[in-house]
């Protein structure tokens, strides 16, 4: 029997995922202006969201989790 997901946990994970994706986008934007010296960085749609989901999934088994 698979336990039903806790709604609060699902909402927390979604919020965390969105925050992480936004942080990745901000880092790319800053790098574009300061390190890369270009006017645009093109990223496939929802790529930062998928990366954030992968990071959260992989960090769930780490002793210190996501820092």
N, C-alpha and C. Protein backbone atom coordinates (compact mmCIF):
# COMPACT_ATOMS: atom_id res chain seq x y z
N UNK A 1 0.85 -1.18 0.00
CA UNK A 1 0.00 0.00 0.00
C UNK A 1 0.89 1.24 0.00
N UNK A 2 0.67 2.10 -0.95
CA UNK A 2 1.44 3.34 -1.06
C UNK A 2 0.71 4.41 -0.28
N UNK A 3 1.40 5.07 0.66
CA UNK A 3 0.72 6.12 1.42
C UNK A 3 0.43 7.33 0.54
N UNK A 4 -0.68 7.99 0.84
CA UNK A 4 -1.04 9.18 0.09
C UNK A 4 -0.09 10.31 0.45
N UNK A 5 0.28 11.12 -0.52
CA UNK A 5 1.18 12.23 -0.21
C UNK A 5 0.50 13.27 0.68
N UNK A 6 1.26 13.81 1.59
CA UNK A 6 0.76 14.85 2.47
C UNK A 6 0.66 16.14 1.67
N UNK A 7 -0.52 16.77 1.67
CA UNK A 7 -0.74 17.98 0.88
C UNK A 7 0.22 19.09 1.27
N UNK A 8 0.50 19.23 2.56
CA UNK A 8 1.43 20.26 3.01
C UNK A 8 2.83 20.01 2.46
N UNK A 9 3.26 18.75 2.45
CA UNK A 9 4.57 18.41 1.91
C UNK A 9 4.64 18.68 0.42
N UNK A 10 3.58 18.35 -0.29
CA UNK A 10 3.53 18.59 -1.74
C UNK A 10 3.63 20.08 -2.02
N UNK A 11 2.88 20.89 -1.28
CA UNK A 11 2.91 22.34 -1.47
C UNK A 11 4.29 22.90 -1.13
N UNK A 12 4.91 22.39 -0.04
CA UNK A 12 6.24 22.84 0.35
C UNK A 12 7.25 22.50 -0.74
N UNK A 13 7.18 21.28 -1.27
CA UNK A 13 8.10 20.87 -2.32
C UNK A 13 7.92 21.71 -3.58
N UNK A 14 6.69 22.01 -3.93
CA UNK A 14 6.42 22.82 -5.12
C UNK A 14 6.97 24.24 -4.93
N UNK A 15 6.74 24.81 -3.74
CA UNK A 15 7.25 26.14 -3.45
C UNK A 15 8.77 26.15 -3.45
N UNK A 16 9.37 25.13 -2.86
CA UNK A 16 10.83 25.02 -2.83
C UNK A 16 11.38 24.87 -4.24
N UNK A 17 10.73 24.07 -5.04
CA UNK A 17 11.15 23.86 -6.43
C UNK A 17 11.08 25.16 -7.22
N UNK A 18 10.00 25.90 -7.06
CA UNK A 18 9.86 27.17 -7.76
C UNK A 18 10.93 28.17 -7.31
N UNK A 19 11.21 28.20 -6.02
CA UNK A 19 12.23 29.10 -5.49
C UNK A 19 13.61 28.75 -6.03
N UNK A 20 13.90 27.46 -6.08
CA UNK A 20 15.19 27.01 -6.59
C UNK A 20 15.32 27.33 -8.09
N UNK A 21 14.26 27.12 -8.85
CA UNK A 21 14.28 27.44 -10.28
C UNK A 21 14.51 28.94 -10.49
N UNK A 22 13.86 29.76 -9.67
CA UNK A 22 14.04 31.21 -9.77
C UNK A 22 15.47 31.59 -9.41
N UNK A 23 16.05 30.94 -8.41
CA UNK A 23 17.43 31.21 -8.03
C UNK A 23 18.38 30.86 -9.18
N UNK A 24 18.13 29.73 -9.84
CA UNK A 24 18.95 29.35 -11.00
C UNK A 24 18.84 30.39 -12.12
N UNK A 25 17.63 30.86 -12.37
CA UNK A 25 17.42 31.88 -13.40
C UNK A 25 18.15 33.17 -13.05
N UNK A 26 18.09 33.56 -11.78
CA UNK A 26 18.79 34.78 -11.34
C UNK A 26 20.30 34.63 -11.49
N UNK A 27 20.83 33.47 -11.16
CA UNK A 27 22.27 33.22 -11.31
C UNK A 27 22.68 33.29 -12.78
N UNK A 28 21.87 32.73 -13.65
CA UNK A 28 22.15 32.81 -15.09
C UNK A 28 22.12 34.26 -15.57
N UNK A 29 21.16 35.01 -15.08
CA UNK A 29 21.03 36.41 -15.48
C UNK A 29 22.24 37.22 -15.02
N UNK A 30 22.66 37.02 -13.76
CA UNK A 30 23.84 37.73 -13.25
C UNK A 30 25.09 37.34 -14.02
N UNK A 31 25.24 36.06 -14.30
CA UNK A 31 26.41 35.58 -15.05
C UNK A 31 26.43 36.18 -16.44
N UNK A 32 25.27 36.30 -17.02
CA UNK A 32 25.17 36.88 -18.36
C UNK A 32 25.75 38.29 -18.36
N UNK A 33 25.42 39.05 -17.34
CA UNK A 33 25.84 40.45 -17.28
C UNK A 33 27.30 40.60 -16.84
N UNK A 34 27.76 39.75 -15.92
CA UNK A 34 29.08 39.96 -15.32
C UNK A 34 30.17 39.07 -15.88
N UNK A 35 29.89 37.82 -16.12
CA UNK A 35 30.92 36.86 -16.53
C UNK A 35 30.92 36.54 -18.01
N UNK A 36 29.76 36.39 -18.57
CA UNK A 36 29.66 35.94 -19.95
C UNK A 36 29.79 37.08 -20.96
N UNK A 37 29.45 38.29 -20.53
CA UNK A 37 29.56 39.44 -21.42
C UNK A 37 28.66 39.37 -22.64
N UNK A 38 27.47 38.85 -22.46
CA UNK A 38 26.53 38.77 -23.58
C UNK A 38 25.21 39.41 -23.18
N UNK A 39 24.38 39.69 -24.16
CA UNK A 39 23.11 40.34 -23.87
C UNK A 39 21.98 39.36 -23.63
N UNK A 40 22.13 38.12 -24.13
CA UNK A 40 21.07 37.12 -23.97
C UNK A 40 21.66 35.76 -23.64
N UNK A 41 20.95 35.04 -22.81
CA UNK A 41 21.23 33.62 -22.57
C UNK A 41 19.92 32.89 -22.83
N UNK A 42 19.91 32.05 -23.83
CA UNK A 42 18.70 31.32 -24.19
C UNK A 42 18.71 29.95 -23.52
N UNK A 43 17.64 29.67 -22.80
CA UNK A 43 17.51 28.41 -22.07
C UNK A 43 16.19 27.78 -22.50
N UNK A 44 16.19 26.50 -22.82
CA UNK A 44 14.94 25.85 -23.20
C UNK A 44 13.85 26.02 -22.13
N UNK A 45 12.63 26.11 -22.61
CA UNK A 45 11.49 26.31 -21.71
C UNK A 45 11.45 25.22 -20.64
N UNK A 46 11.26 25.62 -19.43
CA UNK A 46 11.12 24.76 -18.26
C UNK A 46 12.39 24.00 -17.89
N UNK A 47 13.53 24.35 -18.48
CA UNK A 47 14.78 23.67 -18.14
C UNK A 47 15.16 23.92 -16.68
N UNK A 48 15.06 25.17 -16.24
CA UNK A 48 15.43 25.46 -14.85
C UNK A 48 14.49 24.75 -13.88
N UNK A 49 13.23 24.61 -14.26
CA UNK A 49 12.26 23.88 -13.43
C UNK A 49 12.65 22.40 -13.32
N UNK A 50 13.05 21.81 -14.43
CA UNK A 50 13.46 20.39 -14.41
C UNK A 50 14.75 20.19 -13.63
N UNK A 51 15.68 21.13 -13.77
CA UNK A 51 16.92 21.05 -13.00
C UNK A 51 16.62 21.15 -11.52
N UNK A 52 15.75 22.08 -11.15
CA UNK A 52 15.37 22.25 -9.74
C UNK A 52 14.73 20.97 -9.20
N UNK A 53 13.86 20.35 -9.98
CA UNK A 53 13.23 19.10 -9.55
C UNK A 53 14.28 18.01 -9.35
N UNK A 54 15.24 17.92 -10.27
CA UNK A 54 16.30 16.92 -10.14
C UNK A 54 17.15 17.16 -8.90
N UNK A 55 17.49 18.42 -8.66
CA UNK A 55 18.30 18.76 -7.48
C UNK A 55 17.55 18.38 -6.20
N UNK A 56 16.27 18.70 -6.13
CA UNK A 56 15.48 18.35 -4.94
C UNK A 56 15.37 16.84 -4.77
N UNK A 57 15.16 16.14 -5.87
CA UNK A 57 15.04 14.68 -5.80
C UNK A 57 16.35 14.06 -5.32
N UNK A 58 17.46 14.50 -5.88
CA UNK A 58 18.77 13.95 -5.51
C UNK A 58 19.16 14.34 -4.09
N UNK A 59 18.79 15.54 -3.66
CA UNK A 59 19.18 15.98 -2.32
C UNK A 59 18.35 15.30 -1.23
N UNK A 60 17.22 14.71 -1.60
CA UNK A 60 16.36 14.07 -0.59
C UNK A 60 17.03 12.88 0.08
N UNK A 61 18.01 12.27 -0.59
CA UNK A 61 18.70 11.12 0.00
C UNK A 61 20.04 11.51 0.63
N UNK A 62 20.39 12.78 0.55
CA UNK A 62 21.65 13.24 1.14
C UNK A 62 21.47 13.49 2.64
N UNK A 63 22.49 13.21 3.44
CA UNK A 63 22.39 13.41 4.89
C UNK A 63 22.03 14.85 5.28
N UNK A 64 22.55 15.82 4.56
CA UNK A 64 22.28 17.23 4.89
C UNK A 64 21.18 17.83 4.03
N UNK A 65 20.64 17.05 3.11
CA UNK A 65 19.57 17.55 2.25
C UNK A 65 20.02 18.67 1.36
N UNK A 66 19.13 19.61 1.12
CA UNK A 66 19.40 20.77 0.28
C UNK A 66 19.86 21.91 1.16
N UNK A 67 21.00 22.47 0.84
CA UNK A 67 21.50 23.62 1.62
C UNK A 67 21.49 24.85 0.77
